[in-house]
Amino acid sequence: MKIWAILPVKPLLQSKTRLSAILAPAERAALTQHLLEQTIQVLQQVPAITQILVFSRDKTVLNIAQR
């Protein structure tokens, strides 16, 4: 049986809006990118997960996922 991890990711400049009082849009985008990269790395280490699917409208997010 295949187990998929499915990660929906908002466009980077529209993410983490609750932090907008303390972080600029570029900082929130960088945070989201870092969290996405970390999440993918952790999921790749889980033997039970055979596929990782990232879906987003943001081409940068999709490029990160393809790496």
Protein backbone atom coordinates (compact mmCIF):
# COMPACT_ATOMS: atom_id res chain seq x y z
CA MET A 1 0.00 0.00 0.00
CA LYS A 2 1.24 3.48 -0.87
CA ILE A 3 0.94 6.27 1.67
CA TRP A 4 0.95 9.82 0.36
CA ALA A 5 1.73 13.01 2.26
CA ILE A 6 -0.28 15.87 0.78
CA LEU A 7 0.91 19.42 1.47
CA PRO A 8 -1.26 22.36 0.43
CA VAL A 9 0.81 25.55 0.41
CA LYS A 10 -0.47 29.09 -0.05
CA PRO A 11 1.40 31.48 -2.33
CA LEU A 12 4.45 32.62 -0.36
CA LEU A 13 3.50 36.31 -0.24
CA GLN A 14 0.02 35.43 1.05
CA SER A 15 1.12 33.05 3.80
CA LYS A 16 1.29 33.45 7.56
CA THR A 17 -0.94 36.53 7.54
CA ARG A 18 -1.55 36.31 11.28
CA LEU A 19 2.10 37.29 11.70
CA SER A 20 1.69 40.43 9.58
CA ALA A 21 1.84 42.68 12.66
CA ILE A 22 5.41 41.57 13.38
CA LEU A 23 6.79 40.26 10.05
CA ALA A 24 6.98 41.93 6.65
CA PRO A 25 5.58 40.01 3.65
CA ALA A 26 9.08 38.99 2.53
CA GLU A 27 9.88 37.69 6.01
CA ARG A 28 6.66 35.68 6.11
CA ALA A 29 7.45 34.27 2.66
CA ALA A 30 10.93 33.26 3.81
CA LEU A 31 9.47 31.60 6.91
CA THR A 32 6.95 29.65 4.84
CA GLN A 33 9.67 28.57 2.42
CA HIS A 34 11.86 27.39 5.28
CA LEU A 35 8.99 25.47 6.90
CA LEU A 36 8.11 23.85 3.57
CA GLU A 37 11.71 22.73 3.00
CA GLN A 38 11.96 21.36 6.54
CA THR A 39 8.62 19.55 6.25
CA ILE A 40 9.62 17.90 2.99
CA GLN A 41 12.94 16.79 4.49
CA VAL A 42 11.20 15.23 7.49
CA LEU A 43 8.61 13.49 5.32
CA GLN A 44 11.36 12.04 3.12
CA GLN A 45 12.80 10.34 6.20
CA VAL A 46 9.55 8.57 7.11
CA PRO A 47 9.75 5.06 5.66
CA ALA A 48 5.98 4.60 5.53
CA ILE A 49 5.48 7.61 3.25
CA THR A 50 6.03 6.62 -0.36
CA GLN A 51 4.94 9.80 -2.14
CA ILE A 52 4.86 13.51 -1.30
CA LEU A 53 2.43 15.75 -3.16
CA VAL A 54 2.76 19.52 -2.83
CA PHE A 55 0.08 21.62 -4.44
CA SER A 56 0.11 25.38 -4.71
CA ARG A 57 -0.60 28.25 -7.07
CA ASP A 58 2.91 29.58 -6.38
CA LYS A 59 5.56 28.56 -8.93
CA THR A 60 8.34 29.08 -6.37
CA VAL A 61 6.66 26.59 -4.03
CA LEU A 62 6.33 24.07 -6.85
CA ASN A 63 9.99 24.53 -7.81
CA ILE A 64 11.02 23.89 -4.19
CA ALA A 65 8.90 20.73 -4.15
CA GLN A 66 10.46 19.46 -7.37
CA ARG A 67 13.98 19.76 -5.95
